[in-house]
Amino acid sequence: MTIRLARRDIAERVKRVLLDEAEPSGAEPSGAALPDDEPLAGERLRLNSMRLLGTLVRLEDELGFALPDDLFAGRGFHTVADLVRAVADGYAAESGEAEPS
């Protein structure tokens, strides 16, 4: 059974994983508390290239699909919105949808 994900669901999961990776306190983080324009490499998230790779692997596990390698060619990841957009695009490519709603 394939579960359809809306863009807001993808955004919530991406934000939750980012917060959990940045603040592994054991508490259930709320993705809603993370603004779309939050810098990935800023004080709060401190995401460097190695942590980005780990976060992407965790997102693949959490969402149940593999992000295509060519999805990352020519992209910059500066904000939470950039990462959400890439993951949503990967989901759309994987599921055959034009774009998650």
N, C-alpha and C. Protein backbone atom coordinates (compact mmCIF):
# COMPACT_ATOMS: atom_id res chain seq x y z
N MET A 1 0.84 -1.17 0.00
CA MET A 1 0.00 0.00 0.00
C MET A 1 0.89 1.25 0.00
N THR A 2 0.65 2.15 -0.92
CA THR A 2 1.42 3.38 -1.01
C THR A 2 0.67 4.50 -0.30
N ILE A 3 1.36 5.19 0.55
CA ILE A 3 0.77 6.32 1.26
C ILE A 3 1.10 7.59 0.50
N ARG A 4 0.08 8.36 0.18
CA ARG A 4 0.28 9.64 -0.50
C ARG A 4 0.61 10.71 0.55
N LEU A 5 1.63 11.46 0.27
CA LEU A 5 2.03 12.53 1.19
C LEU A 5 1.75 13.89 0.57
N ALA A 6 1.13 14.75 1.32
CA ALA A 6 0.94 16.13 0.90
C ALA A 6 2.23 16.91 1.20
N ARG A 7 2.43 18.01 0.52
CA ARG A 7 3.63 18.83 0.72
C ARG A 7 3.77 19.26 2.19
N ARG A 8 2.65 19.58 2.84
CA ARG A 8 2.73 20.01 4.24
C ARG A 8 3.20 18.87 5.14
N ASP A 9 2.81 17.62 4.79
CA ASP A 9 3.27 16.46 5.56
C ASP A 9 4.78 16.26 5.39
N ILE A 10 5.24 16.42 4.16
CA ILE A 10 6.68 16.31 3.89
C ILE A 10 7.42 17.41 4.65
N ALA A 11 6.92 18.63 4.60
CA ALA A 11 7.57 19.75 5.29
C ALA A 11 7.64 19.48 6.79
N GLU A 12 6.56 18.98 7.38
CA GLU A 12 6.53 18.69 8.81
C GLU A 12 7.56 17.62 9.17
N ARG A 13 7.65 16.59 8.37
CA ARG A 13 8.62 15.52 8.65
C ARG A 13 10.05 15.99 8.48
N VAL A 14 10.31 16.77 7.43
CA VAL A 14 11.66 17.32 7.22
C VAL A 14 12.05 18.18 8.42
N LYS A 15 11.15 19.05 8.85
CA LYS A 15 11.44 19.93 9.98
C LYS A 15 11.64 19.14 11.27
N ARG A 16 10.84 18.13 11.47
CA ARG A 16 10.98 17.31 12.68
C ARG A 16 12.34 16.61 12.72
N VAL A 17 12.75 16.05 11.56
CA VAL A 17 14.06 15.39 11.49
C VAL A 17 15.18 16.40 11.70
N LEU A 18 15.08 17.57 11.08
CA LEU A 18 16.11 18.60 11.27
C LEU A 18 16.24 19.00 12.74
N LEU A 19 15.11 19.21 13.39
CA LEU A 19 15.15 19.59 14.81
C LEU A 19 15.69 18.46 15.68
N ASP A 20 15.30 17.25 15.36
CA ASP A 20 15.78 16.11 16.14
C ASP A 20 17.28 15.94 15.99
N GLU A 21 17.78 16.15 14.78
CA GLU A 21 19.22 16.05 14.53
C GLU A 21 19.98 17.18 15.24
N ALA A 22 19.39 18.37 15.27
CA ALA A 22 20.05 19.53 15.88
C ALA A 22 19.93 19.54 17.39
N GLU A 23 18.81 19.03 17.90
CA GLU A 23 18.53 19.06 19.33
C GLU A 23 18.10 17.67 19.81
N PRO A 24 19.03 16.71 19.81
CA PRO A 24 18.66 15.35 20.19
C PRO A 24 18.42 15.19 21.69
N SER A 25 17.38 15.83 22.18
CA SER A 25 17.10 15.84 23.61
C SER A 25 16.18 14.71 24.04
N GLY A 26 15.65 13.96 23.06
CA GLY A 26 14.71 12.91 23.40
C GLY A 26 13.27 13.40 23.41
N ALA A 27 13.08 14.71 23.46
CA ALA A 27 11.72 15.26 23.42
C ALA A 27 11.22 15.21 21.98
N GLU A 28 9.94 15.11 21.80
CA GLU A 28 9.35 15.09 20.46
C GLU A 28 9.33 16.51 19.90
N PRO A 29 10.21 16.81 18.94
CA PRO A 29 10.25 18.17 18.40
C PRO A 29 9.05 18.45 17.50
N SER A 30 8.65 19.67 17.44
CA SER A 30 7.55 20.08 16.56
C SER A 30 8.14 20.84 15.38
N GLY A 31 7.91 20.31 14.18
CA GLY A 31 8.41 20.97 12.97
C GLY A 31 7.78 22.32 12.73
N ALA A 32 6.60 22.54 13.30
CA ALA A 32 5.92 23.82 13.12
C ALA A 32 6.71 24.95 13.76
N ALA A 33 7.57 24.63 14.72
CA ALA A 33 8.35 25.64 15.42
C ALA A 33 9.58 26.08 14.61
N LEU A 34 9.79 25.50 13.45
CA LEU A 34 10.95 25.79 12.64
C LEU A 34 10.51 26.55 11.38
N PRO A 35 10.88 27.83 11.26
CA PRO A 35 10.44 28.61 10.09
C PRO A 35 11.11 28.13 8.80
N ASP A 36 10.41 28.32 7.70
CA ASP A 36 10.93 27.92 6.39
C ASP A 36 12.22 28.62 6.03
N ASP A 37 12.40 29.85 6.51
CA ASP A 37 13.60 30.60 6.15
C ASP A 37 14.76 30.41 7.14
N GLU A 38 14.62 29.43 8.04
CA GLU A 38 15.71 29.13 8.99
C GLU A 38 16.93 28.64 8.22
N PRO A 39 18.10 29.25 8.44
CA PRO A 39 19.31 28.80 7.74
C PRO A 39 19.74 27.41 8.21
N LEU A 40 20.06 26.54 7.27
CA LEU A 40 20.49 25.19 7.63
C LEU A 40 21.83 25.21 8.38
N ALA A 41 22.72 26.13 7.99
CA ALA A 41 24.03 26.20 8.62
C ALA A 41 24.09 27.24 9.73
N GLY A 42 22.93 27.72 10.17
CA GLY A 42 22.88 28.75 11.20
C GLY A 42 23.11 28.21 12.60
N GLU A 43 22.96 29.07 13.57
CA GLU A 43 23.19 28.74 14.98
C GLU A 43 22.29 27.62 15.49
N ARG A 44 21.07 27.60 15.03
CA ARG A 44 20.11 26.62 15.56
C ARG A 44 20.31 25.21 15.00
N LEU A 45 20.45 25.08 13.68
CA LEU A 45 20.53 23.76 13.07
C LEU A 45 21.95 23.24 12.88
N ARG A 46 22.90 24.16 12.64
CA ARG A 46 24.32 23.79 12.51
C ARG A 46 24.55 22.62 11.55
N LEU A 47 23.91 22.67 10.39
CA LEU A 47 23.98 21.56 9.43
C LEU A 47 25.14 21.78 8.47
N ASN A 48 26.15 20.93 8.55
CA ASN A 48 27.26 20.97 7.60
C ASN A 48 27.03 19.88 6.55
N SER A 49 27.94 19.71 5.62
CA SER A 49 27.72 18.77 4.52
C SER A 49 27.60 17.32 5.01
N MET A 50 28.36 16.94 6.00
CA MET A 50 28.28 15.57 6.52
C MET A 50 26.95 15.34 7.25
N ARG A 51 26.52 16.31 8.02
CA ARG A 51 25.23 16.17 8.71
C ARG A 51 24.08 16.22 7.73
N LEU A 52 24.22 16.97 6.64
CA LEU A 52 23.19 16.99 5.61
C LEU A 52 23.02 15.60 5.02
N LEU A 53 24.12 14.93 4.74
CA LEU A 53 24.07 13.58 4.19
C LEU A 53 23.34 12.63 5.14
N GLY A 54 23.68 12.68 6.42
CA GLY A 54 23.01 11.85 7.42
C GLY A 54 21.53 12.18 7.53
N THR A 55 21.20 13.45 7.44
CA THR A 55 19.81 13.88 7.51
C THR A 55 19.03 13.36 6.31
N LEU A 56 19.64 13.39 5.13
CA LEU A 56 18.97 12.89 3.93
C LEU A 56 18.71 11.39 4.02
N VAL A 57 19.67 10.64 4.55
CA VAL A 57 19.48 9.20 4.73
C VAL A 57 18.35 8.94 5.72
N ARG A 58 18.33 9.69 6.79
CA ARG A 58 17.26 9.53 7.78
C ARG A 58 15.90 9.88 7.18
N LEU A 59 15.85 10.93 6.37
CA LEU A 59 14.60 11.31 5.71
C LEU A 59 14.12 10.21 4.76
N GLU A 60 15.04 9.61 4.03
CA GLU A 60 14.66 8.50 3.15
C GLU A 60 14.04 7.37 3.97
N ASP A 61 14.64 7.05 5.10
CA ASP A 61 14.09 6.00 5.97
C ASP A 61 12.73 6.40 6.51
N GLU A 62 12.62 7.62 6.97
CA GLU A 62 11.38 8.11 7.58
C GLU A 62 10.24 8.18 6.56
N LEU A 63 10.54 8.61 5.36
CA LEU A 63 9.51 8.80 4.35
C LEU A 63 9.26 7.55 3.49
N GLY A 64 10.18 6.61 3.53
CA GLY A 64 9.98 5.35 2.82
C GLY A 64 10.25 5.38 1.33
N PHE A 65 11.12 6.26 0.87
CA PHE A 65 11.50 6.28 -0.54
C PHE A 65 12.91 6.84 -0.66
N ALA A 66 13.58 6.47 -1.77
CA ALA A 66 14.94 6.93 -2.02
C ALA A 66 14.90 8.22 -2.83
N LEU A 67 15.68 9.18 -2.41
CA LEU A 67 15.81 10.43 -3.15
C LEU A 67 16.75 10.19 -4.33
N PRO A 68 16.33 10.52 -5.55
CA PRO A 68 17.19 10.29 -6.71
C PRO A 68 18.46 11.15 -6.64
N ASP A 69 19.59 10.56 -7.02
CA ASP A 69 20.87 11.27 -6.96
C ASP A 69 20.89 12.54 -7.79
N ASP A 70 20.25 12.51 -8.95
CA ASP A 70 20.28 13.69 -9.84
C ASP A 70 19.46 14.86 -9.29
N LEU A 71 18.70 14.60 -8.25
CA LEU A 71 17.91 15.65 -7.61
C LEU A 71 18.80 16.75 -7.01
N PHE A 72 20.03 16.41 -6.69
CA PHE A 72 20.91 17.33 -5.98
C PHE A 72 21.85 18.11 -6.90
N ALA A 73 21.88 17.75 -8.16
CA ALA A 73 22.77 18.42 -9.11
C ALA A 73 22.33 19.87 -9.29
N GLY A 74 23.26 20.78 -9.06
CA GLY A 74 23.01 22.19 -9.28
C GLY A 74 22.13 22.87 -8.24
N ARG A 75 21.84 22.19 -7.15
CA ARG A 75 21.00 22.78 -6.10
C ARG A 75 21.86 23.29 -4.96
N GLY A 76 21.39 24.36 -4.36
CA GLY A 76 21.99 24.85 -3.13
C GLY A 76 21.02 24.65 -1.99
N PHE A 77 21.52 24.27 -0.85
CA PHE A 77 20.69 24.07 0.33
C PHE A 77 21.11 25.08 1.38
N HIS A 78 20.34 26.16 1.47
CA HIS A 78 20.67 27.23 2.40
C HIS A 78 19.65 27.36 3.52
N THR A 79 18.39 27.06 3.21
CA THR A 79 17.32 27.22 4.19
C THR A 79 16.51 25.93 4.30
N VAL A 80 15.67 25.88 5.33
CA VAL A 80 14.77 24.75 5.51
C VAL A 80 13.89 24.58 4.27
N ALA A 81 13.42 25.68 3.71
CA ALA A 81 12.56 25.62 2.52
C ALA A 81 13.28 24.96 1.35
N ASP A 82 14.57 25.20 1.19
CA ASP A 82 15.34 24.56 0.12
C ASP A 82 15.33 23.04 0.27
N LEU A 83 15.51 22.56 1.49
CA LEU A 83 15.53 21.13 1.74
C LEU A 83 14.14 20.53 1.57
N VAL A 84 13.12 21.20 2.06
CA VAL A 84 11.75 20.73 1.90
C VAL A 84 11.41 20.62 0.41
N ARG A 85 11.78 21.63 -0.36
CA ARG A 85 11.51 21.63 -1.80
C ARG A 85 12.19 20.44 -2.48
N ALA A 86 13.43 20.17 -2.14
CA ALA A 86 14.16 19.05 -2.75
C ALA A 86 13.51 17.72 -2.39
N VAL A 87 13.15 17.55 -1.13
CA VAL A 87 12.52 16.29 -0.71
C VAL A 87 11.16 16.13 -1.36
N ALA A 88 10.38 17.21 -1.45
CA ALA A 88 9.08 17.15 -2.12
C ALA A 88 9.24 16.82 -3.60
N ASP A 89 10.26 17.39 -4.24
CA ASP A 89 10.53 17.08 -5.65
C ASP A 89 10.93 15.61 -5.80
N GLY A 90 11.73 15.11 -4.87
CA GLY A 90 12.13 13.71 -4.89
C GLY A 90 10.95 12.78 -4.71
N TYR A 91 10.05 13.15 -3.82
CA TYR A 91 8.84 12.36 -3.61
C TYR A 91 7.99 12.36 -4.87
N ALA A 92 7.84 13.52 -5.49
CA ALA A 92 7.05 13.61 -6.72
C ALA A 92 7.66 12.74 -7.82
N ALA A 93 8.98 12.76 -7.95
CA ALA A 93 9.65 11.95 -8.97
C ALA A 93 9.47 10.46 -8.67
N GLU A 94 9.58 10.08 -7.42
CA GLU A 94 9.48 8.68 -7.01
C GLU A 94 8.05 8.16 -7.17
N SER A 95 7.08 8.98 -6.86
CA SER A 95 5.68 8.54 -6.86
C SER A 95 5.01 8.75 -8.23
N GLY A 96 5.69 9.48 -9.12
CA GLY A 96 5.10 9.75 -10.43
C GLY A 96 4.11 10.90 -10.42
N GLU A 97 4.04 11.62 -9.32
CA GLU A 97 3.14 12.78 -9.23
C GLU A 97 3.86 14.00 -9.80
N ALA A 98 3.06 14.96 -10.27
CA ALA A 98 3.66 16.20 -10.77
C ALA A 98 4.33 16.95 -9.62
N GLU A 99 3.64 17.07 -8.51
CA GLU A 99 4.16 17.73 -7.30
C GLU A 99 3.19 17.41 -6.18
N PRO A 100 3.71 17.10 -4.97
CA PRO A 100 2.77 16.85 -3.88
C PRO A 100 1.94 18.09 -3.58
N SER A 101 0.68 17.87 -3.26
CA SER A 101 -0.21 19.00 -2.98
C SER A 101 -0.03 19.53 -1.59
